Amino acid sequence: MRGNIAQLMQQAQRMQENVQRAQEELAKIEVTGNAGGGMVSVTLTGRMECRKVRIDPSVMSDAEMAEDLIAAAFNDAVNKVNAESQSKMSAATAGMPLPPGMKMPF
């Protein structure tokens, strides 16, 4: 019994180190979301910080369309960051039995 607990603690320590490493890697990535066939693009970091917004000048003549495209590009970028985060966290917790539906990081 004691060996099982020690082994579980070692696995938890390795998982914590892997999660921390994955979080550091995520902080360094940048993803770009697009909308309107590339007329609007938004670049976010893995920490959801906006780095860049590019808007084609032709979009500026219609404010409502510009607003919609900016929102769509931002949402596209957020979805890409979330997908990348899920992928890295899944790899970081591989081999560690987690309850179904539990998401990392906690």
Protein backbone atom coordinates (compact mmCIF):
# COMPACT_ATOMS: atom_id res chain seq x y z
CA MET A 1 0.00 0.00 0.00
CA ARG A 2 2.74 2.40 0.94
CA GLY A 3 4.55 1.83 -2.38
CA ASN A 4 1.38 2.61 -4.32
CA ILE A 5 0.97 5.95 -2.53
CA ALA A 6 4.60 6.85 -3.15
CA GLN A 7 4.24 5.94 -6.82
CA LEU A 8 1.06 7.99 -7.10
CA MET A 9 2.79 10.97 -5.50
CA GLN A 10 5.68 10.67 -7.98
CA GLN A 11 3.20 10.58 -10.87
CA ALA A 12 1.43 13.64 -9.48
CA GLN A 13 4.75 15.49 -9.18
CA ARG A 14 5.67 14.63 -12.79
CA MET A 15 2.23 15.71 -13.97
CA GLN A 16 2.54 19.02 -12.12
CA GLU A 17 5.93 19.64 -13.76
CA ASN A 18 4.50 18.74 -17.17
CA VAL A 19 1.51 21.05 -16.68
CA GLN A 20 3.79 23.90 -15.66
CA ARG A 21 5.98 23.32 -18.71
CA ALA A 22 2.90 23.23 -20.95
CA GLN A 23 1.64 26.50 -19.47
CA GLU A 24 5.01 28.13 -20.15
CA GLU A 25 4.92 26.90 -23.75
CA LEU A 26 1.38 28.19 -24.19
CA ALA A 27 2.39 31.63 -22.94
CA LYS A 28 4.90 31.83 -25.81
CA ILE A 29 2.60 30.87 -28.68
CA GLU A 30 0.68 33.25 -30.90
CA VAL A 31 -2.35 32.31 -32.98
CA THR A 32 -4.20 34.32 -35.60
CA GLY A 33 -7.94 34.24 -36.07
CA ASN A 34 -9.42 35.36 -39.38
CA ALA A 35 -12.79 36.47 -40.67
CA GLY A 36 -14.22 37.65 -43.96
CA GLY A 37 -11.78 35.63 -46.02
CA GLY A 38 -8.83 37.28 -44.31
CA MET A 39 -10.20 40.82 -44.42
CA VAL A 40 -9.84 40.96 -40.63
CA SER A 41 -7.28 39.12 -38.53
CA VAL A 42 -6.63 39.13 -34.79
CA THR A 43 -3.46 37.70 -33.22
CA LEU A 44 -3.58 36.49 -29.61
CA THR A 45 -1.00 34.95 -27.31
CA GLY A 46 -1.61 31.73 -25.44
CA ARG A 47 -2.57 33.91 -22.46
CA MET A 48 -5.33 35.54 -24.52
CA GLU A 49 -3.46 38.85 -24.84
CA CYS A 50 -4.17 40.66 -28.08
CA ARG A 51 -0.96 41.34 -30.01
CA LYS A 52 -2.23 42.58 -33.35
CA VAL A 53 -5.39 43.50 -35.22
CA ARG A 54 -5.33 43.87 -38.99
CA ILE A 55 -8.31 45.29 -40.84
CA ASP A 56 -8.51 45.59 -44.61
CA PRO A 57 -9.33 49.23 -45.46
CA SER A 58 -12.27 48.13 -47.63
CA VAL A 59 -14.07 46.93 -44.49
CA MET A 60 -14.01 50.37 -42.89
CA SER A 61 -16.75 51.76 -45.12
CA ASP A 62 -19.34 49.61 -43.32
CA ALA A 63 -19.03 49.98 -39.53
CA GLU A 64 -21.50 47.22 -38.69
CA MET A 65 -19.75 44.72 -40.95
CA ALA A 66 -16.36 45.74 -39.51
CA GLU A 67 -17.63 45.13 -35.97
CA ASP A 68 -19.00 41.71 -36.91
CA LEU A 69 -15.78 40.68 -38.66
CA ILE A 70 -13.60 41.85 -35.76
CA ALA A 71 -15.73 39.85 -33.30
CA ALA A 72 -15.63 36.78 -35.56
CA ALA A 73 -11.84 37.01 -36.00
CA PHE A 74 -11.36 37.39 -32.25
CA ASN A 75 -13.58 34.38 -31.55
CA ASP A 76 -11.67 32.36 -34.14
CA ALA A 77 -8.39 33.20 -32.40
CA VAL A 78 -9.82 32.31 -28.97
CA ASN A 79 -11.01 28.95 -30.29
CA LYS A 80 -7.54 28.25 -31.69
CA VAL A 81 -5.86 29.12 -28.37
CA ASN A 82 -8.31 26.89 -26.49
CA ALA A 83 -7.66 23.99 -28.89
CA GLU A 84 -3.90 24.40 -28.49
CA SER A 85 -4.26 24.61 -24.72
CA GLN A 86 -6.39 21.45 -24.62
CA SER A 87 -3.85 19.62 -26.74
CA LYS A 88 -0.87 20.61 -24.59
CA MET A 89 -2.67 19.89 -21.32
CA SER A 90 -3.81 16.48 -22.55
CA ALA A 91 -0.21 15.63 -23.36
CA ALA A 92 0.94 16.94 -19.96
CA THR A 93 -1.50 14.74 -18.06
CA ALA A 94 -1.07 11.62 -20.20
CA GLY A 95 -0.84 8.48 -18.11
CA MET A 96 -2.39 10.08 -15.04
CA PRO A 97 -5.88 8.76 -14.32
CA LEU A 98 -8.20 11.77 -14.08
CA PRO A 99 -11.94 11.58 -13.53
CA PRO A 100 -14.05 11.96 -16.70
CA GLY A 101 -14.79 15.58 -17.51
CA MET A 102 -12.01 16.98 -15.36
CA LYS A 103 -10.18 19.75 -17.17
CA MET A 104 -6.63 20.91 -16.67
CA PRO A 105 -5.29 23.16 -15.36
CA PHE A 106 -7.51 23.11 -12.29
